[in-house]
Each structure stands twice: as C-alpha cells, then as structure tokens.
Amino acid sequence: MNKLIPLYVTASLFLQDRVETYVEKRKDFDRGASFFEYAALIAVIAGMIGVWHNFNLGEKITSKLGPILDKLK
C-alpha cells in the first residue's frame, strides 16, 4: 500500500470539513440587505430624479405623447 494514501485521505477530510464549516457560517452572515445597500439605492434613485428634473424630461415626454394621446380619443 502506498504510504501517501492515508495522508491524502486525512487532508481531504480535513479540507472538506473546513469548507462545510465555512459555508454554514456564511449562510447566517448574509441574511439581507444592509443599511449601505439601501442608502446606495436611495442615492441612485435621487440621481435619476435629478437628471429627470435637470433635463426637463417630464415636459418633453408630455409634449411628444400629448398629440398621440389626443388622436386616440
């Protein structure tokens, strides 16, 4: 019998146990969105609103869709 086989089996089982332990701990660590993720989402939405307002997109869209909607009446 090769003398390295018991060493390989021991190392393999050790690494498998370490990975399983890490995965179990990681499952409980990341449960949901954090404060920073919500803050980033709010910042992105505020930026989109700022761009919308800065380029006056509301009036541009209304002026383009107004005649189309009038034809549908």
N, C-alpha and C. Protein backbone atom coordinates (compact mmCIF):
# COMPACT_ATOMS: atom_id res chain seq x y z
N MET A 1 0.84 -1.18 0.00
CA MET A 1 0.00 0.00 0.00
C MET A 1 0.89 1.25 0.00
N ASN A 2 0.46 2.24 -0.74
CA ASN A 2 1.19 3.48 -0.83
C ASN A 2 1.06 4.24 0.49
N LYS A 3 2.16 4.79 0.99
CA LYS A 3 2.16 5.49 2.27
C LYS A 3 1.48 6.86 2.19
N LEU A 4 1.28 7.39 1.00
CA LEU A 4 0.66 8.70 0.85
C LEU A 4 -0.87 8.66 0.89
N ILE A 5 -1.45 7.47 0.72
CA ILE A 5 -2.91 7.37 0.70
C ILE A 5 -3.54 7.81 2.03
N PRO A 6 -3.05 7.35 3.19
CA PRO A 6 -3.65 7.85 4.45
C PRO A 6 -3.48 9.36 4.64
N LEU A 7 -2.36 9.89 4.19
CA LEU A 7 -2.14 11.33 4.29
C LEU A 7 -3.13 12.08 3.38
N TYR A 8 -3.33 11.56 2.18
CA TYR A 8 -4.29 12.16 1.25
C TYR A 8 -5.71 12.13 1.81
N VAL A 9 -6.11 11.01 2.37
CA VAL A 9 -7.46 10.87 2.93
C VAL A 9 -7.64 11.83 4.11
N THR A 10 -6.65 11.92 4.96
CA THR A 10 -6.72 12.82 6.12
C THR A 10 -6.83 14.27 5.67
N ALA A 11 -5.99 14.67 4.72
CA ALA A 11 -6.03 16.05 4.23
C ALA A 11 -7.34 16.35 3.54
N SER A 12 -7.84 15.40 2.76
CA SER A 12 -9.10 15.59 2.05
C SER A 12 -10.26 15.76 3.02
N LEU A 13 -10.33 14.92 4.03
CA LEU A 13 -11.40 15.04 5.02
C LEU A 13 -11.30 16.33 5.82
N PHE A 14 -10.07 16.74 6.14
CA PHE A 14 -9.87 17.99 6.87
C PHE A 14 -10.37 19.18 6.04
N LEU A 15 -9.99 19.23 4.78
CA LEU A 15 -10.40 20.34 3.92
C LEU A 15 -11.91 20.33 3.69
N GLN A 16 -12.49 19.16 3.53
CA GLN A 16 -13.93 19.08 3.34
C GLN A 16 -14.66 19.60 4.57
N ASP A 17 -14.18 19.26 5.75
CA ASP A 17 -14.79 19.74 6.99
C ASP A 17 -14.66 21.25 7.11
N ARG A 18 -13.50 21.79 6.75
CA ARG A 18 -13.28 23.25 6.84
C ARG A 18 -14.22 23.99 5.87
N VAL A 19 -14.39 23.47 4.67
CA VAL A 19 -15.26 24.12 3.69
C VAL A 19 -16.71 24.07 4.16
N GLU A 20 -17.15 22.94 4.67
CA GLU A 20 -18.53 22.83 5.16
C GLU A 20 -18.77 23.78 6.33
N THR A 21 -17.80 23.90 7.23
CA THR A 21 -17.93 24.81 8.36
C THR A 21 -18.01 26.25 7.88
N TYR A 22 -17.18 26.61 6.90
CA TYR A 22 -17.19 27.97 6.36
C TYR A 22 -18.53 28.27 5.69
N VAL A 23 -19.05 27.33 4.92
CA VAL A 23 -20.33 27.55 4.23
C VAL A 23 -21.46 27.71 5.24
N GLU A 24 -21.47 26.92 6.29
CA GLU A 24 -22.51 27.04 7.31
C GLU A 24 -22.46 28.39 8.01
N LYS A 25 -21.26 28.86 8.33
CA LYS A 25 -21.13 30.17 8.98
C LYS A 25 -21.53 31.29 8.03
N ARG A 26 -21.23 31.14 6.76
CA ARG A 26 -21.52 32.17 5.78
C ARG A 26 -23.03 32.30 5.53
N LYS A 27 -23.78 31.23 5.65
CA LYS A 27 -25.22 31.27 5.45
C LYS A 27 -25.89 32.22 6.44
N ASP A 28 -25.46 32.20 7.67
CA ASP A 28 -26.06 33.05 8.70
C ASP A 28 -25.56 34.48 8.64
N PHE A 29 -24.41 34.68 8.00
CA PHE A 29 -23.80 36.00 8.00
C PHE A 29 -24.54 36.99 7.10
N ASP A 30 -24.95 36.56 5.92
CA ASP A 30 -25.55 37.46 4.95
C ASP A 30 -27.04 37.18 4.83
N ARG A 31 -27.82 37.77 5.71
CA ARG A 31 -29.25 37.47 5.75
C ARG A 31 -30.06 38.37 4.84
N GLY A 32 -29.69 39.61 4.68
CA GLY A 32 -30.49 40.52 3.87
C GLY A 32 -29.70 41.77 3.51
N ALA A 33 -30.40 42.72 2.96
CA ALA A 33 -29.75 43.95 2.54
C ALA A 33 -29.35 44.78 3.75
N SER A 34 -28.19 45.37 3.67
CA SER A 34 -27.70 46.17 4.79
C SER A 34 -28.08 47.64 4.58
N PHE A 35 -27.76 48.42 5.57
CA PHE A 35 -28.04 49.85 5.53
C PHE A 35 -27.37 50.50 4.32
N PHE A 36 -26.14 50.08 4.03
CA PHE A 36 -25.39 50.70 2.93
C PHE A 36 -26.00 50.37 1.58
N GLU A 37 -26.55 49.19 1.43
CA GLU A 37 -27.20 48.83 0.17
C GLU A 37 -28.46 49.66 -0.04
N TYR A 38 -29.24 49.86 1.01
CA TYR A 38 -30.43 50.71 0.91
C TYR A 38 -30.03 52.16 0.65
N ALA A 39 -28.98 52.63 1.30
CA ALA A 39 -28.52 54.01 1.08
C ALA A 39 -28.06 54.19 -0.36
N ALA A 40 -27.38 53.21 -0.92
CA ALA A 40 -26.94 53.30 -2.31
C ALA A 40 -28.13 53.32 -3.26
N LEU A 41 -29.14 52.52 -2.96
CA LEU A 41 -30.35 52.50 -3.78
C LEU A 41 -31.05 53.85 -3.76
N ILE A 42 -31.15 54.46 -2.59
CA ILE A 42 -31.77 55.77 -2.47
C ILE A 42 -30.96 56.82 -3.23
N ALA A 43 -29.63 56.72 -3.16
CA ALA A 43 -28.78 57.67 -3.88
C ALA A 43 -28.95 57.54 -5.39
N VAL A 44 -29.07 56.33 -5.88
CA VAL A 44 -29.27 56.12 -7.32
C VAL A 44 -30.61 56.69 -7.76
N ILE A 45 -31.64 56.44 -6.98
CA ILE A 45 -32.97 56.97 -7.32
C ILE A 45 -32.96 58.49 -7.29
N ALA A 46 -32.31 59.07 -6.30
CA ALA A 46 -32.22 60.53 -6.22
C ALA A 46 -31.45 61.09 -7.41
N GLY A 47 -30.41 60.40 -7.85
CA GLY A 47 -29.68 60.83 -9.03
C GLY A 47 -30.52 60.78 -10.29
N MET A 48 -31.32 59.74 -10.41
CA MET A 48 -32.20 59.63 -11.57
C MET A 48 -33.24 60.74 -11.57
N ILE A 49 -33.78 61.06 -10.42
CA ILE A 49 -34.75 62.16 -10.32
C ILE A 49 -34.09 63.49 -10.66
N GLY A 50 -32.85 63.67 -10.21
CA GLY A 50 -32.11 64.89 -10.53
C GLY A 50 -31.88 65.04 -12.03
N VAL A 51 -31.51 63.96 -12.69
CA VAL A 51 -31.31 64.01 -14.14
C VAL A 51 -32.64 64.30 -14.83
N TRP A 52 -33.70 63.65 -14.39
CA TRP A 52 -35.04 63.84 -14.95
C TRP A 52 -35.43 65.32 -14.87
N HIS A 53 -35.20 65.91 -13.71
CA HIS A 53 -35.57 67.31 -13.48
C HIS A 53 -34.64 68.25 -14.26
N ASN A 54 -33.34 67.96 -14.27
CA ASN A 54 -32.36 68.83 -14.91
C ASN A 54 -32.59 68.92 -16.42
N PHE A 55 -32.92 67.83 -17.05
CA PHE A 55 -33.13 67.83 -18.50
C PHE A 55 -34.59 68.08 -18.87
N ASN A 56 -35.43 68.36 -17.89
CA ASN A 56 -36.83 68.69 -18.11
C ASN A 56 -37.52 67.61 -18.94
N LEU A 57 -37.30 66.39 -18.58
CA LEU A 57 -37.81 65.26 -19.35
C LEU A 57 -39.32 65.12 -19.25
N GLY A 58 -39.91 65.55 -18.15
CA GLY A 58 -41.35 65.44 -17.98
C GLY A 58 -42.11 66.21 -19.06
N GLU A 59 -41.70 67.45 -19.30
CA GLU A 59 -42.38 68.26 -20.31
C GLU A 59 -42.09 67.76 -21.72
N LYS A 60 -40.89 67.26 -21.95
CA LYS A 60 -40.55 66.74 -23.28
C LYS A 60 -41.38 65.51 -23.61
N ILE A 61 -41.54 64.65 -22.64
CA ILE A 61 -42.34 63.44 -22.88
C ILE A 61 -43.81 63.80 -23.06
N THR A 62 -44.28 64.73 -22.23
CA THR A 62 -45.68 65.15 -22.34
C THR A 62 -45.96 65.79 -23.70
N SER A 63 -45.03 66.61 -24.18
CA SER A 63 -45.24 67.27 -25.47
C SER A 63 -45.21 66.27 -26.62
N LYS A 64 -44.45 65.20 -26.49
CA LYS A 64 -44.39 64.18 -27.55
C LYS A 64 -45.61 63.25 -27.50
N LEU A 65 -46.05 62.89 -26.30
CA LEU A 65 -47.15 61.94 -26.18
C LEU A 65 -48.53 62.60 -26.24
N GLY A 66 -48.60 63.91 -25.99
CA GLY A 66 -49.87 64.61 -25.99
C GLY A 66 -50.63 64.47 -27.30
N PRO A 67 -50.03 64.81 -28.43
CA PRO A 67 -50.74 64.65 -29.71
C PRO A 67 -51.13 63.20 -30.00
N ILE A 68 -50.30 62.27 -29.63
CA ILE A 68 -50.62 60.85 -29.87
C ILE A 68 -51.82 60.44 -29.05
N LEU A 69 -51.87 60.86 -27.79
CA LEU A 69 -52.99 60.51 -26.92
C LEU A 69 -54.27 61.22 -27.37
N ASP A 70 -54.13 62.44 -27.90
CA ASP A 70 -55.32 63.14 -28.41
C ASP A 70 -55.93 62.43 -29.60
N LYS A 71 -55.11 61.82 -30.43
CA LYS A 71 -55.61 61.08 -31.59
C LYS A 71 -56.38 59.83 -31.17
N LEU A 72 -56.02 59.27 -30.02
CA LEU A 72 -56.67 58.05 -29.55
C LEU A 72 -58.06 58.31 -28.98
N LYS A 73 -58.34 59.57 -28.62
CA LYS A 73 -59.64 59.88 -28.02
C LYS A 73 -60.72 59.78 -28.98
